[in-house]
Amino acid sequence: MPNIQTDTSDQALITAIRANMSDLFKRMSAASPEEQFENGKFARWHTPLPHPWFNGVLSTEPFEETDARLIEETVQYFRDRGVHTFTWWMNPPLMASDWEPVLTKYGFGLSKDTPGMAMDLQALNDPRQVNGLEIRAVADEESLRTWAHIFTLGYGMPPDWEGIVFDVWLELGLDLPIQNYLGYLKGEPVSTSCLFIGGGAAGIYSVATLPKARGRGIGAALTLDPLLKAREMGYRIGVLQSSEMGFNMYKRLGFQHLCQIEYFYRMTA
């Protein structure tokens, strides 16, 4: 039986937001065995996707003087692989302040720009149904290619990232703890989302809708459907990191803005 978080106090929800992300990063680390580095204190992941969150390090213990060498080695590691910017995260209960003095010394900046949101899944607000919308789980490589295409377009990524997105998500897997979803409007794929089970909670990622299909409640439906499935599996808490575009939609579904996601970042040049 998975470890399901049932404490819905604000502090427990904040911890669940961070713990879900940390478990996702650990999965990224394990997804590419040739690049995997994990030693009980750190997990490091590198993917071909040129986005800082897809290249990074997770600390699970407070800083010790012997860790300085790993910081230097990590900067060089990402530099050698042509990664422009990578990130450094804290596994709860660690806080950014535990590592800020040393990482600042090594040229890292601290970001607090991303809203962290969570909710008790028993309080989900069901939006109105979208006529003609069908939501399907991605179950094979063919549908994952469609998912990668719609996600890349809907999220406004460069078109040449599409193949990289497909490769990365294929490595992450096609079944739980990760499950991707496609929304079809009158038979045409127009929206995506991703459910990740980790840290005792249900995390929502990769919600994107093609511009021509926005404003109809499709993104809300692609958020709600995976969460309802997680609730059926016994999960009590839903978590996500919000974009500016999705913030009000998530609030309407019942999510609370409880924190700002804190992480460090460093350019390698």
Protein backbone atom coordinates (compact mmCIF):
# COMPACT_ATOMS: atom_id res chain seq x y z
CA MET A 1 0.00 0.00 0.00
CA PRO A 2 1.51 3.37 -0.99
CA ASN A 3 2.24 5.97 1.66
CA ILE A 4 -0.77 8.29 1.26
CA GLN A 5 -0.64 11.69 2.94
CA THR A 6 -3.87 12.40 4.84
CA ASP A 7 -2.89 15.46 6.90
CA THR A 8 -4.50 18.46 5.19
CA SER A 9 -3.11 21.22 7.43
CA ASP A 10 -1.46 24.05 5.51
CA GLN A 11 2.05 23.01 6.53
CA ALA A 12 1.41 19.39 5.52
CA LEU A 13 0.08 20.53 2.16
CA ILE A 14 3.20 22.64 1.57
CA THR A 15 5.37 19.64 2.41
CA ALA A 16 3.33 17.51 -0.01
CA ILE A 17 3.89 20.02 -2.83
CA ARG A 18 7.64 19.78 -2.35
CA ALA A 19 7.72 16.04 -1.70
CA ASN A 20 5.81 15.28 -4.89
CA MET A 21 8.27 17.32 -6.93
CA SER A 22 11.23 15.68 -5.19
CA ASP A 23 9.95 12.21 -6.04
CA LEU A 24 9.48 13.27 -9.66
CA PHE A 25 13.07 14.50 -9.79
CA LYS A 26 14.26 11.19 -8.34
CA ARG A 27 12.37 9.41 -11.10
CA MET A 28 14.05 11.64 -13.69
CA SER A 29 17.39 10.69 -12.17
CA ALA A 30 16.62 6.97 -12.42
CA ALA A 31 15.10 7.19 -15.91
CA SER A 32 18.51 7.47 -17.64
CA PRO A 33 20.82 4.90 -16.02
CA GLU A 34 23.83 6.08 -18.04
CA GLU A 35 23.49 9.56 -16.49
CA GLN A 36 22.15 8.58 -13.07
CA PHE A 37 23.93 9.79 -9.96
CA GLU A 38 22.43 9.08 -6.56
CA ASN A 39 24.40 8.50 -3.36
CA GLY A 40 21.90 8.89 -0.52
CA LYS A 41 22.62 12.61 -0.12
CA PHE A 42 22.12 13.79 -3.69
CA ALA A 43 20.24 12.84 -6.81
CA ARG A 44 21.24 14.39 -10.12
CA TRP A 45 19.42 14.23 -13.45
CA HIS A 46 20.24 15.30 -16.97
CA THR A 47 17.89 15.17 -19.95
CA PRO A 48 18.21 16.49 -23.52
CA LEU A 49 15.38 18.94 -22.79
CA PRO A 50 17.01 22.40 -22.50
CA HIS A 51 14.89 23.52 -19.55
CA PRO A 52 16.45 24.12 -16.10
CA TRP A 53 13.92 21.93 -14.25
CA PHE A 54 14.90 18.96 -16.42
CA ASN A 55 18.57 19.27 -15.46
CA GLY A 56 19.35 19.49 -11.80
CA VAL A 57 20.32 18.23 -8.37
CA LEU A 58 18.26 17.31 -5.32
CA SER A 59 19.82 17.62 -1.85
CA THR A 60 18.45 15.34 0.85
CA GLU A 61 20.83 16.30 3.69
CA PRO A 62 22.23 19.57 5.12
CA PHE A 63 25.47 20.88 3.66
CA GLU A 64 28.80 19.50 4.87
CA GLU A 65 32.23 20.81 3.91
CA THR A 66 32.93 17.66 1.89
CA ASP A 67 29.98 18.56 -0.37
CA ALA A 68 31.85 21.52 -1.88
CA ARG A 69 33.66 19.21 -4.26
CA LEU A 70 30.36 17.81 -5.55
CA ILE A 71 29.09 21.33 -6.26
CA GLU A 72 32.17 22.07 -8.35
CA GLU A 73 31.94 18.72 -10.13
CA THR A 74 28.25 19.28 -10.87
CA VAL A 75 28.83 22.68 -12.47
CA GLN A 76 31.46 21.07 -14.70
CA TYR A 77 29.20 18.07 -15.39
CA PHE A 78 26.45 20.24 -16.84
CA ARG A 79 28.93 22.51 -18.61
CA ASP A 80 30.45 19.48 -20.37
CA ARG A 81 26.98 18.47 -21.59
CA GLY A 82 26.14 21.88 -22.97
CA VAL A 83 23.45 22.63 -20.38
CA HIS A 84 23.09 26.40 -20.14
CA THR A 85 21.22 26.55 -16.82
CA PHE A 86 20.52 23.85 -14.22
CA THR A 87 18.66 23.85 -10.92
CA TRP A 88 19.32 22.75 -7.32
CA TRP A 89 16.44 21.63 -5.09
CA MET A 90 15.88 20.74 -1.42
CA ASN A 91 14.12 17.54 -0.41
CA PRO A 92 11.74 18.25 2.52
CA PRO A 93 12.14 18.88 5.37
CA LEU A 94 15.27 20.71 4.13
CA MET A 95 14.69 24.37 3.31
CA ALA A 96 16.40 26.63 0.80
CA SER A 97 17.96 28.51 3.73
CA ASP A 98 19.88 25.35 4.68
CA TRP A 99 21.90 25.57 1.47
CA GLU A 100 21.65 29.23 0.50
CA PRO A 101 24.93 30.43 2.08
CA VAL A 102 27.08 27.89 0.26
CA LEU A 103 25.23 27.86 -3.08
CA THR A 104 25.27 31.65 -3.23
CA LYS A 105 29.04 31.46 -2.74
CA TYR A 106 29.23 29.21 -5.81
CA GLY A 107 27.27 31.59 -8.03
CA PHE A 108 23.71 30.25 -7.65
CA GLY A 109 20.65 32.47 -7.64
CA LEU A 110 17.45 31.74 -5.71
CA SER A 111 14.07 31.70 -7.46
CA LYS A 112 10.70 32.10 -5.72
CA ASP A 113 8.65 32.90 -8.81
CA THR A 114 6.40 29.82 -9.08
CA PRO A 115 3.20 29.50 -7.00
CA GLY A 116 2.84 26.21 -5.13
CA MET A 117 -0.78 25.11 -4.81
CA ALA A 118 -2.53 22.23 -3.07
CA MET A 119 -5.96 21.05 -2.03
CA ASP A 120 -7.92 18.39 -0.23
CA LEU A 121 -9.27 16.23 -3.06
CA GLN A 122 -12.50 15.73 -1.16
CA ALA A 123 -13.23 19.41 -1.81
CA LEU A 124 -12.76 19.35 -5.61
CA ASN A 125 -15.04 21.73 -7.47
CA ASP A 126 -16.37 20.07 -10.62
CA PRO A 127 -16.46 22.57 -13.51
CA ARG A 128 -19.14 22.47 -16.17
CA GLN A 129 -18.85 19.72 -18.75
CA VAL A 130 -17.23 20.61 -22.07
CA ASN A 131 -19.39 19.50 -24.98
CA GLY A 132 -17.54 17.22 -27.36
CA LEU A 133 -14.53 16.69 -25.05
CA GLU A 134 -13.15 13.19 -24.49
CA ILE A 135 -10.20 12.56 -22.17
CA ARG A 136 -8.02 9.52 -22.85
CA ALA A 137 -5.05 8.08 -20.99
CA VAL A 138 -1.86 7.82 -23.03
CA ALA A 139 -1.20 4.09 -23.24
CA ASP A 140 1.28 3.58 -26.09
CA GLU A 141 4.07 5.28 -28.01
CA GLU A 142 1.77 6.43 -30.82
CA SER A 143 -0.50 8.37 -28.46
CA LEU A 144 2.54 9.66 -26.58
CA ARG A 145 3.81 11.17 -29.84
CA THR A 146 0.48 12.97 -30.18
CA TRP A 147 0.74 14.06 -26.54
CA ALA A 148 4.26 15.45 -27.11
CA HIS A 149 3.06 17.35 -30.20
CA ILE A 150 0.09 18.96 -28.44
CA PHE A 151 2.06 19.72 -25.28
CA THR A 152 4.88 21.38 -27.24
CA LEU A 153 2.45 23.55 -29.20
CA GLY A 154 0.16 24.31 -26.27
CA TYR A 155 3.02 25.25 -23.95
CA GLY A 156 4.63 27.46 -26.58
CA MET A 157 7.87 25.50 -26.78
CA PRO A 158 10.14 25.64 -29.85
CA PRO A 159 8.91 23.09 -32.43
CA ASP A 160 12.25 21.27 -32.46
CA TRP A 161 11.70 20.34 -28.79
CA GLU A 162 8.84 18.00 -29.71
CA GLY A 163 11.01 14.95 -30.36
CA ILE A 164 12.98 15.60 -27.17
CA VAL A 165 9.76 15.86 -25.13
CA PHE A 166 8.65 12.51 -26.55
CA ASP A 167 11.97 10.85 -25.70
CA VAL A 168 12.04 12.22 -22.14
CA TRP A 169 8.45 11.24 -21.34
CA LEU A 170 8.97 7.80 -22.88
CA GLU A 171 11.86 7.23 -20.48
CA LEU A 172 9.69 8.38 -17.57
CA GLY A 173 7.17 5.66 -18.44
CA LEU A 174 3.65 5.12 -19.72
CA ASP A 175 2.07 3.84 -16.51
CA LEU A 176 1.76 4.87 -12.89
CA PRO A 177 3.29 6.54 -10.99
CA ILE A 178 3.18 8.67 -14.16
CA GLN A 179 0.09 8.79 -16.36
CA ASN A 180 -0.34 11.23 -19.22
CA TYR A 181 -3.71 12.37 -20.59
CA LEU A 182 -4.90 13.76 -23.91
CA GLY A 183 -8.04 15.81 -24.39
CA TYR A 184 -9.86 15.37 -27.71
CA LEU A 185 -12.40 18.00 -28.75
CA LYS A 186 -14.78 16.50 -31.31
CA GLY A 187 -12.14 13.91 -32.11
CA GLU A 188 -9.22 16.35 -32.45
CA PRO A 189 -6.40 16.38 -29.85
CA VAL A 190 -6.22 19.81 -28.24
CA SER A 191 -4.98 19.49 -24.63
CA THR A 192 -2.64 17.58 -22.31
CA SER A 193 -1.98 16.88 -18.67
CA CYS A 194 0.15 14.56 -16.57
CA LEU A 195 -0.54 12.88 -13.23
CA PHE A 196 2.40 11.93 -11.02
CA ILE A 197 1.89 9.96 -7.83
CA GLY A 198 4.65 10.69 -5.31
CA GLY A 199 5.34 12.10 -1.88
CA GLY A 200 2.02 10.69 -0.71
CA ALA A 201 0.09 13.02 -3.04
CA ALA A 202 -1.26 13.36 -6.57
CA GLY A 203 0.68 15.92 -8.60
CA ILE A 204 -0.58 17.59 -11.77
CA TYR A 205 1.92 18.63 -14.42
CA SER A 206 2.09 19.57 -18.11
CA VAL A 207 -1.39 21.11 -18.45
CA ALA A 208 -1.45 22.72 -21.90
CA THR A 209 -4.18 23.59 -24.39
CA LEU A 210 -3.84 24.70 -27.98
CA PRO A 211 -4.58 28.44 -28.36
CA LYS A 212 -7.59 27.81 -30.61
CA ALA A 213 -9.26 25.67 -27.92
CA ARG A 214 -8.68 27.90 -24.88
CA GLY A 215 -11.39 29.60 -22.86
CA ARG A 216 -13.78 26.63 -22.89
CA GLY A 217 -12.82 24.91 -19.63
CA ILE A 218 -10.70 22.24 -21.33
CA GLY A 219 -7.62 22.84 -19.18
CA ALA A 220 -9.79 22.57 -16.05
CA ALA A 221 -11.22 19.28 -17.29
CA LEU A 222 -7.74 17.90 -18.00
CA THR A 223 -6.75 18.85 -14.45
CA LEU A 224 -9.88 17.52 -12.80
CA ASP A 225 -10.08 14.13 -14.50
CA PRO A 226 -6.67 12.81 -13.29
CA LEU A 227 -7.36 14.13 -9.78
CA LEU A 228 -10.69 12.33 -9.63
CA LYS A 229 -8.90 9.13 -10.64
CA ALA A 230 -6.30 9.73 -7.92
CA ARG A 231 -9.10 10.24 -5.40
CA GLU A 232 -10.59 6.92 -6.46
CA MET A 233 -7.19 5.34 -5.72
CA GLY A 234 -7.40 6.71 -2.18
CA TYR A 235 -5.30 9.87 -2.51
CA ARG A 236 -6.38 12.80 -0.37
CA ILE A 237 -4.11 15.62 -1.55
CA GLY A 238 -3.63 17.20 -4.97
CA VAL A 239 -0.63 19.44 -5.67
CA LEU A 240 0.74 21.49 -8.54
CA GLN A 241 2.98 24.38 -9.53
CA SER A 242 0.99 27.04 -11.34
CA SER A 243 1.75 29.11 -14.37
CA GLU A 244 0.39 32.65 -14.50
CA MET A 245 -2.14 31.56 -17.12
CA GLY A 246 -3.54 28.70 -15.05
CA PHE A 247 -3.57 30.32 -11.60
CA ASN A 248 -7.20 31.50 -11.50
CA MET A 249 -8.43 28.27 -13.08
CA TYR A 250 -6.78 26.21 -10.35
CA LYS A 251 -8.30 28.43 -7.67
CA ARG A 252 -11.74 27.84 -9.14
CA LEU A 253 -11.15 24.10 -8.88
CA GLY A 254 -10.41 24.54 -5.18
CA PHE A 255 -6.62 24.80 -5.03
CA GLN A 256 -5.07 27.06 -2.39
CA HIS A 257 -1.98 29.16 -3.06
CA LEU A 258 0.13 28.10 -0.08
CA CYS A 259 3.75 28.86 -0.98
CA GLN A 260 6.23 29.95 -3.58
CA ILE A 261 8.39 27.16 -4.97
CA GLU A 262 12.01 27.80 -3.95
CA TYR A 263 14.93 26.47 -5.93
CA PHE A 264 18.44 27.52 -6.87
CA TYR A 265 19.69 27.93 -10.43
CA ARG A 266 23.07 28.43 -12.02
CA MET A 267 24.29 29.19 -15.51
CA THR A 268 27.32 27.16 -16.55
CA ALA A 269 28.92 29.68 -18.89
